[in-house]
C-alpha cells in the first residue's frame, strides 16, 4: 500500500482552529464572516460557536515541525490526497474552561518538545 501526497510544496499558509465538536459537513465555508475570535490576553482568546462560549489558546508547533491539511484527491486511486494548506501554529479551543496543560492536545505539544530533548543526538561538548 502507498499514499500519494500532492501539492505539498505549493500549499498556502492556513489559519487552523481545533474546535471541541464534530461538524457533520465537508465543504467550504465563509468562516471569517461568522467566527470572530477576540484576543483577551497574551495567551488567551475567546469566541462563540453556535451561541456557545469558547476559550482558546494559540499553540506553536515545535521547531522542525510543520502541519499540513489534506483533502481526498479527485483521483480515483483511494490513497491519493491533495495538500490544501500548511501551518506552523493553530488555535486550540475548549467549551467550558480555558485550555490547560491537562488537555491532551497541549500535552502532546509539550511531548514533541520533550521528545526532542530525550532522543536528539548529544554532542560531546554538551556533556
N, C-alpha and C. Protein backbone atom coordinates (compact mmCIF):
# COMPACT_ATOMS: atom_id res chain seq x y z
N UNK A 1 0.85 -1.18 0.00
CA UNK A 1 0.00 0.00 0.00
C UNK A 1 0.89 1.24 0.00
N UNK A 2 0.48 2.26 -0.71
CA UNK A 2 1.20 3.52 -0.70
C UNK A 2 0.20 4.68 -0.67
N UNK A 3 0.68 5.80 -0.18
CA UNK A 3 -0.13 7.01 -0.12
C UNK A 3 0.57 8.06 -0.95
N UNK A 4 -0.17 8.70 -1.84
CA UNK A 4 0.39 9.73 -2.68
C UNK A 4 -0.09 11.09 -2.17
N UNK A 5 0.85 11.97 -1.84
CA UNK A 5 0.54 13.31 -1.36
C UNK A 5 0.87 14.31 -2.46
N UNK A 6 -0.14 15.09 -2.87
CA UNK A 6 0.03 16.03 -3.97
C UNK A 6 0.03 17.48 -3.47
N UNK A 7 0.72 18.36 -4.19
CA UNK A 7 0.69 19.82 -4.00
C UNK A 7 1.27 20.29 -2.67
N UNK A 8 2.12 19.52 -2.03
CA UNK A 8 2.66 19.91 -0.73
C UNK A 8 3.49 21.18 -0.82
N UNK A 9 4.34 21.30 -1.83
CA UNK A 9 5.21 22.47 -1.94
C UNK A 9 4.46 23.75 -2.29
N UNK A 10 3.29 23.63 -2.91
CA UNK A 10 2.51 24.81 -3.30
C UNK A 10 1.49 25.22 -2.25
N UNK A 11 1.42 24.51 -1.13
CA UNK A 11 0.38 24.77 -0.12
C UNK A 11 0.52 26.16 0.48
N UNK A 12 -0.59 26.87 0.58
CA UNK A 12 -0.62 28.20 1.17
C UNK A 12 -0.74 28.10 2.68
N UNK A 13 -0.30 29.16 3.37
CA UNK A 13 -0.41 29.22 4.83
C UNK A 13 -1.89 29.26 5.21
N UNK A 14 -2.29 28.42 6.17
CA UNK A 14 -3.69 28.32 6.58
C UNK A 14 -3.86 28.75 8.03
N UNK A 15 -5.04 29.27 8.35
CA UNK A 15 -5.42 29.57 9.73
C UNK A 15 -6.21 28.37 10.22
N UNK A 16 -5.73 27.73 11.30
CA UNK A 16 -6.33 26.48 11.77
C UNK A 16 -6.88 26.66 13.18
N UNK A 17 -8.11 26.16 13.37
CA UNK A 17 -8.77 26.16 14.68
C UNK A 17 -9.17 24.74 15.00
N UNK A 18 -8.85 24.27 16.20
CA UNK A 18 -9.27 22.94 16.66
C UNK A 18 -10.43 23.14 17.63
N UNK A 19 -11.64 22.85 17.15
CA UNK A 19 -12.84 23.06 17.95
C UNK A 19 -13.22 21.79 18.69
N UNK A 20 -13.86 21.93 19.86
CA UNK A 20 -14.23 20.76 20.66
C UNK A 20 -15.56 20.15 20.23
N UNK A 21 -15.76 20.01 18.92
CA UNK A 21 -17.02 19.46 18.43
C UNK A 21 -16.77 18.83 17.05
N UNK A 22 -17.75 18.09 16.60
CA UNK A 22 -17.69 17.50 15.27
C UNK A 22 -18.72 18.20 14.40
N UNK A 23 -18.30 18.64 13.25
CA UNK A 23 -19.19 19.30 12.30
C UNK A 23 -19.50 18.30 11.19
N UNK A 24 -20.75 17.97 11.06
CA UNK A 24 -21.15 16.95 10.09
C UNK A 24 -21.34 17.56 8.70
N UNK A 25 -20.26 18.10 8.18
CA UNK A 25 -20.25 18.66 6.83
C UNK A 25 -18.82 18.62 6.33
N UNK A 26 -18.68 18.53 5.05
CA UNK A 26 -17.35 18.51 4.45
C UNK A 26 -17.37 19.42 3.23
N UNK A 27 -17.38 20.73 3.51
CA UNK A 27 -17.47 21.69 2.42
C UNK A 27 -16.82 23.00 2.84
N UNK A 28 -16.63 23.86 1.89
CA UNK A 28 -16.06 25.17 2.18
C UNK A 28 -17.11 26.02 2.89
N UNK A 29 -16.61 26.95 3.70
CA UNK A 29 -17.50 27.84 4.43
C UNK A 29 -16.81 29.19 4.59
N UNK A 30 -17.60 30.25 4.68
CA UNK A 30 -17.08 31.59 4.88
C UNK A 30 -16.89 31.81 6.38
N UNK A 31 -15.92 31.12 6.96
CA UNK A 31 -15.69 31.11 8.40
C UNK A 31 -15.40 32.51 8.93
N UNK A 32 -14.62 33.30 8.21
CA UNK A 32 -14.24 34.64 8.68
C UNK A 32 -15.45 35.54 8.93
N UNK A 33 -16.55 35.29 8.25
CA UNK A 33 -17.75 36.12 8.44
C UNK A 33 -18.49 35.79 9.73
N UNK A 34 -18.34 34.57 10.22
CA UNK A 34 -19.13 34.12 11.36
C UNK A 34 -18.32 33.83 12.62
N UNK A 35 -17.08 33.42 12.47
CA UNK A 35 -16.25 33.04 13.61
C UNK A 35 -15.23 34.14 13.84
N UNK A 36 -15.41 34.90 14.91
CA UNK A 36 -14.58 36.08 15.16
C UNK A 36 -13.94 36.01 16.56
N UNK A 37 -12.80 35.31 16.68
CA UNK A 37 -12.11 35.24 17.97
C UNK A 37 -11.61 36.61 18.41
N UNK A 38 -11.59 36.82 19.74
CA UNK A 38 -11.12 38.06 20.33
C UNK A 38 -9.96 37.73 21.26
N UNK A 39 -8.87 38.48 21.13
CA UNK A 39 -7.69 38.31 21.98
C UNK A 39 -7.99 38.90 23.35
N UNK A 40 -8.04 38.08 24.40
CA UNK A 40 -8.33 38.53 25.76
C UNK A 40 -7.04 38.93 26.47
N UNK A 41 -6.01 38.11 26.30
CA UNK A 41 -4.70 38.41 26.90
C UNK A 41 -3.64 37.87 25.94
N UNK A 42 -2.40 37.91 26.39
CA UNK A 42 -1.30 37.46 25.54
C UNK A 42 -1.50 36.03 25.04
N UNK A 43 -2.04 35.15 25.87
CA UNK A 43 -2.18 33.75 25.51
C UNK A 43 -3.63 33.30 25.33
N UNK A 44 -4.59 34.10 25.75
CA UNK A 44 -5.98 33.66 25.78
C UNK A 44 -6.85 34.35 24.73
N UNK A 45 -7.70 33.55 24.08
CA UNK A 45 -8.67 34.08 23.13
C UNK A 45 -10.06 33.64 23.57
N UNK A 46 -11.06 34.35 23.11
CA UNK A 46 -12.43 33.97 23.38
C UNK A 46 -13.24 34.10 22.09
N UNK A 47 -14.28 33.28 21.98
CA UNK A 47 -15.15 33.31 20.81
C UNK A 47 -16.42 32.57 21.18
N UNK A 48 -17.33 32.48 20.23
CA UNK A 48 -18.51 31.63 20.45
C UNK A 48 -18.78 30.88 19.14
N UNK A 49 -19.37 29.71 19.30
CA UNK A 49 -19.73 28.89 18.15
C UNK A 49 -21.15 28.39 18.36
N UNK A 50 -22.05 28.81 17.46
CA UNK A 50 -23.47 28.47 17.57
C UNK A 50 -24.04 28.85 18.93
N UNK A 51 -23.58 30.00 19.44
CA UNK A 51 -24.09 30.53 20.70
C UNK A 51 -23.40 30.01 21.94
N UNK A 52 -22.50 29.07 21.81
CA UNK A 52 -21.79 28.52 22.97
C UNK A 52 -20.42 29.19 23.12
N UNK A 53 -20.06 29.59 24.35
CA UNK A 53 -18.77 30.27 24.54
C UNK A 53 -17.59 29.31 24.39
N UNK A 54 -16.51 29.82 23.83
CA UNK A 54 -15.27 29.07 23.67
C UNK A 54 -14.12 29.84 24.30
N UNK A 55 -13.19 29.11 24.87
CA UNK A 55 -11.96 29.70 25.41
C UNK A 55 -10.81 29.01 24.70
N UNK A 56 -9.88 29.80 24.16
CA UNK A 56 -8.82 29.20 23.35
C UNK A 56 -7.44 29.76 23.63
N UNK A 57 -6.46 29.05 23.07
CA UNK A 57 -5.07 29.49 23.14
C UNK A 57 -4.38 29.12 21.83
N UNK A 58 -3.46 29.97 21.41
CA UNK A 58 -2.70 29.69 20.18
C UNK A 58 -1.49 28.84 20.52
N UNK A 59 -1.32 27.74 19.83
CA UNK A 59 -0.21 26.81 20.06
C UNK A 59 0.74 26.83 18.87
N UNK A 60 2.01 26.95 19.15
CA UNK A 60 3.04 26.92 18.11
C UNK A 60 3.56 25.49 17.98
N UNK A 61 3.75 25.03 16.76
CA UNK A 61 4.37 23.73 16.56
C UNK A 61 5.84 23.83 16.93
N UNK A 62 6.39 22.74 17.43
CA UNK A 62 7.81 22.72 17.82
C UNK A 62 8.68 23.00 16.60
N UNK A 63 9.87 23.53 16.85
CA UNK A 63 10.80 23.80 15.76
C UNK A 63 11.07 22.52 14.98
N UNK A 64 11.08 22.64 13.67
CA UNK A 64 11.31 21.48 12.82
C UNK A 64 10.03 20.77 12.42
N UNK A 65 8.88 21.21 12.97
CA UNK A 65 7.60 20.61 12.62
C UNK A 65 6.76 21.59 11.81
N UNK A 66 5.93 21.05 10.94
CA UNK A 66 5.01 21.85 10.14
C UNK A 66 3.75 21.01 9.97
N UNK A 67 2.59 21.64 10.08
CA UNK A 67 1.32 20.94 9.90
C UNK A 67 0.83 21.09 8.47
N UNK A 68 0.15 20.08 7.98
CA UNK A 68 -0.42 20.11 6.63
C UNK A 68 -1.87 19.70 6.68
N UNK A 69 -2.66 20.26 5.76
CA UNK A 69 -4.08 19.92 5.63
C UNK A 69 -4.25 19.25 4.27
N UNK A 70 -4.82 18.05 4.29
CA UNK A 70 -5.02 17.30 3.06
C UNK A 70 -6.50 17.01 2.85
N UNK A 71 -6.93 17.04 1.59
CA UNK A 71 -8.26 16.60 1.19
C UNK A 71 -8.11 15.38 0.31
N UNK A 72 -9.15 14.54 0.32
CA UNK A 72 -9.16 13.43 -0.62
C UNK A 72 -9.05 14.01 -2.02
N UNK A 73 -8.17 13.45 -2.81
CA UNK A 73 -7.99 13.92 -4.17
C UNK A 73 -9.14 13.44 -5.04
N UNK A 74 -9.36 14.12 -6.15
CA UNK A 74 -10.37 13.68 -7.11
C UNK A 74 -9.89 12.44 -7.86
N UNK A 75 -8.64 12.12 -7.65
CA UNK A 75 -8.03 10.95 -8.29
C UNK A 75 -8.79 9.70 -7.87
N UNK A 76 -9.10 8.80 -8.79
CA UNK A 76 -9.84 7.59 -8.43
C UNK A 76 -9.07 6.63 -7.52
N UNK A 77 -7.76 6.83 -7.40
CA UNK A 77 -7.00 5.97 -6.51
C UNK A 77 -7.39 6.30 -5.06
N UNK A 78 -7.70 5.30 -4.23
CA UNK A 78 -8.23 5.57 -2.90
C UNK A 78 -7.23 6.18 -1.91
N UNK A 79 -5.94 6.08 -2.18
CA UNK A 79 -4.97 6.62 -1.21
C UNK A 79 -4.18 7.77 -1.80
N UNK A 80 -4.90 8.71 -2.43
CA UNK A 80 -4.28 9.88 -3.02
C UNK A 80 -4.90 11.12 -2.36
N UNK A 81 -4.04 11.99 -1.83
CA UNK A 81 -4.51 13.17 -1.12
C UNK A 81 -3.84 14.42 -1.67
N UNK A 82 -4.61 15.52 -1.68
CA UNK A 82 -4.11 16.78 -2.19
C UNK A 82 -3.95 17.76 -1.03
N UNK A 83 -2.77 18.39 -0.93
CA UNK A 83 -2.49 19.33 0.15
C UNK A 83 -3.16 20.67 -0.17
N UNK A 84 -3.96 21.17 0.78
CA UNK A 84 -4.67 22.43 0.57
C UNK A 84 -4.19 23.54 1.51
N UNK A 85 -3.29 23.21 2.44
CA UNK A 85 -2.77 24.23 3.34
C UNK A 85 -1.69 23.69 4.24
N UNK A 86 -0.95 24.64 4.83
CA UNK A 86 0.08 24.28 5.80
C UNK A 86 0.04 25.30 6.93
N UNK A 87 0.57 24.91 8.10
CA UNK A 87 0.53 25.82 9.24
C UNK A 87 1.68 25.53 10.20
N UNK A 88 2.06 26.57 10.95
CA UNK A 88 3.08 26.44 11.99
C UNK A 88 2.50 26.69 13.37
N UNK A 89 1.23 27.12 13.42
CA UNK A 89 0.53 27.29 14.69
C UNK A 89 -0.96 27.05 14.45
N UNK A 90 -1.67 26.83 15.53
CA UNK A 90 -3.12 26.68 15.44
C UNK A 90 -3.74 27.11 16.76
N UNK A 91 -5.05 27.38 16.73
CA UNK A 91 -5.75 27.77 17.94
C UNK A 91 -6.55 26.58 18.45
N UNK A 92 -6.32 26.24 19.71
CA UNK A 92 -7.00 25.13 20.36
C UNK A 92 -8.09 25.70 21.27
N UNK A 93 -9.31 25.16 21.16
CA UNK A 93 -10.46 25.69 21.88
C UNK A 93 -11.07 24.66 22.83
N UNK A 94 -11.60 25.16 23.98
CA UNK A 94 -12.40 24.38 24.93
C UNK A 94 -13.75 25.07 25.09
N UNK A 95 -14.78 24.29 25.43
CA UNK A 95 -16.11 24.87 25.68
C UNK A 95 -16.16 25.61 27.00
N UNK A 96 -15.89 24.91 28.08
CA UNK A 96 -16.27 25.40 29.39
C UNK A 96 -15.11 25.79 30.30
N UNK A 97 -13.91 25.76 29.81
CA UNK A 97 -12.75 26.12 30.64
C UNK A 97 -11.60 26.54 29.74
N UNK A 98 -10.71 27.36 30.27
CA UNK A 98 -9.54 27.74 29.47
C UNK A 98 -8.67 26.50 29.21
N UNK A 99 -8.05 26.42 28.04
CA UNK A 99 -7.13 25.31 27.77
C UNK A 99 -6.01 25.27 28.82
N UNK A 100 -5.60 24.06 29.20
CA UNK A 100 -4.54 23.92 30.20
C UNK A 100 -3.61 22.78 29.80
N UNK A 101 -2.53 22.64 30.54
CA UNK A 101 -1.54 21.57 30.28
C UNK A 101 -2.15 20.18 30.48
N UNK A 102 -3.33 20.09 31.10
CA UNK A 102 -4.01 18.81 31.30
C UNK A 102 -4.77 18.34 30.05
N UNK A 103 -4.96 19.24 29.09
CA UNK A 103 -5.66 18.86 27.86
C UNK A 103 -4.74 18.01 26.99
N UNK A 104 -5.26 16.92 26.42
CA UNK A 104 -4.42 16.02 25.61
C UNK A 104 -3.68 16.71 24.47
N UNK A 105 -4.31 17.67 23.82
CA UNK A 105 -3.65 18.35 22.69
C UNK A 105 -2.43 19.14 23.18
N UNK A 106 -2.59 19.85 24.27
CA UNK A 106 -1.47 20.64 24.79
C UNK A 106 -0.38 19.72 25.34
N UNK A 107 -0.77 18.63 26.00
CA UNK A 107 0.22 17.66 26.49
C UNK A 107 1.01 17.07 25.33
N UNK A 108 0.35 16.82 24.21
CA UNK A 108 1.04 16.29 23.03
C UNK A 108 2.06 17.30 22.51
N UNK A 109 1.69 18.56 22.48
CA UNK A 109 2.62 19.59 22.02
C UNK A 109 3.84 19.65 22.93
N UNK A 110 3.62 19.54 24.25
CA UNK A 110 4.74 19.52 25.19
C UNK A 110 5.61 18.28 24.96
N UNK A 111 4.98 17.15 24.64
CA UNK A 111 5.74 15.92 24.41
C UNK A 111 6.64 16.06 23.19
N UNK A 112 6.19 16.74 22.15
CA UNK A 112 7.04 16.92 20.96
C UNK A 112 8.34 17.64 21.33
N UNK A 113 8.25 18.64 22.19
CA UNK A 113 9.45 19.36 22.62
C UNK A 113 10.31 18.47 23.51
N UNK A 114 9.68 17.79 24.45
CA UNK A 114 10.41 16.92 25.37
C UNK A 114 11.06 15.74 24.64
N UNK A 115 10.37 15.16 23.68
CA UNK A 115 10.92 14.00 22.97
C UNK A 115 12.18 14.37 22.19
N UNK A 116 12.25 15.59 21.69
CA UNK A 116 13.47 16.04 21.02
C UNK A 116 14.64 16.07 21.99
N UNK A 117 14.38 16.55 23.20
CA UNK A 117 15.44 16.62 24.21
C UNK A 117 15.91 15.22 24.60
N UNK A 118 14.99 14.27 24.61
CA UNK A 118 15.33 12.89 25.00
C UNK A 118 16.04 12.15 23.88
N UNK A 119 15.57 12.32 22.65
CA UNK A 119 16.01 11.48 21.55
C UNK A 119 17.04 12.09 20.60
N UNK A 120 17.21 13.41 20.63
CA UNK A 120 18.18 14.04 19.73
C UNK A 120 19.60 13.62 20.11
N UNK A 121 20.49 13.53 19.13
CA UNK A 121 21.89 13.21 19.43
C UNK A 121 22.51 14.29 20.32
N UNK A 122 23.46 13.88 21.14
CA UNK A 122 24.15 14.81 22.04
C UNK A 122 25.59 14.96 21.58
N UNK A 123 26.02 16.21 21.41
CA UNK A 123 27.42 16.47 21.10
C UNK A 123 28.24 16.33 22.38
N UNK A 124 29.45 15.89 22.26
CA UNK A 124 30.33 15.70 23.41
C UNK A 124 30.56 17.03 24.14
N UNK A 125 30.48 18.15 23.41
CA UNK A 125 30.65 19.47 24.03
C UNK A 125 29.48 19.82 24.95
N UNK A 126 28.32 19.19 24.72
CA UNK A 126 27.13 19.48 25.52
C UNK A 126 27.13 18.72 26.85
N UNK A 127 28.01 17.74 27.00
CA UNK A 127 28.01 16.90 28.21
C UNK A 127 28.72 17.59 29.35
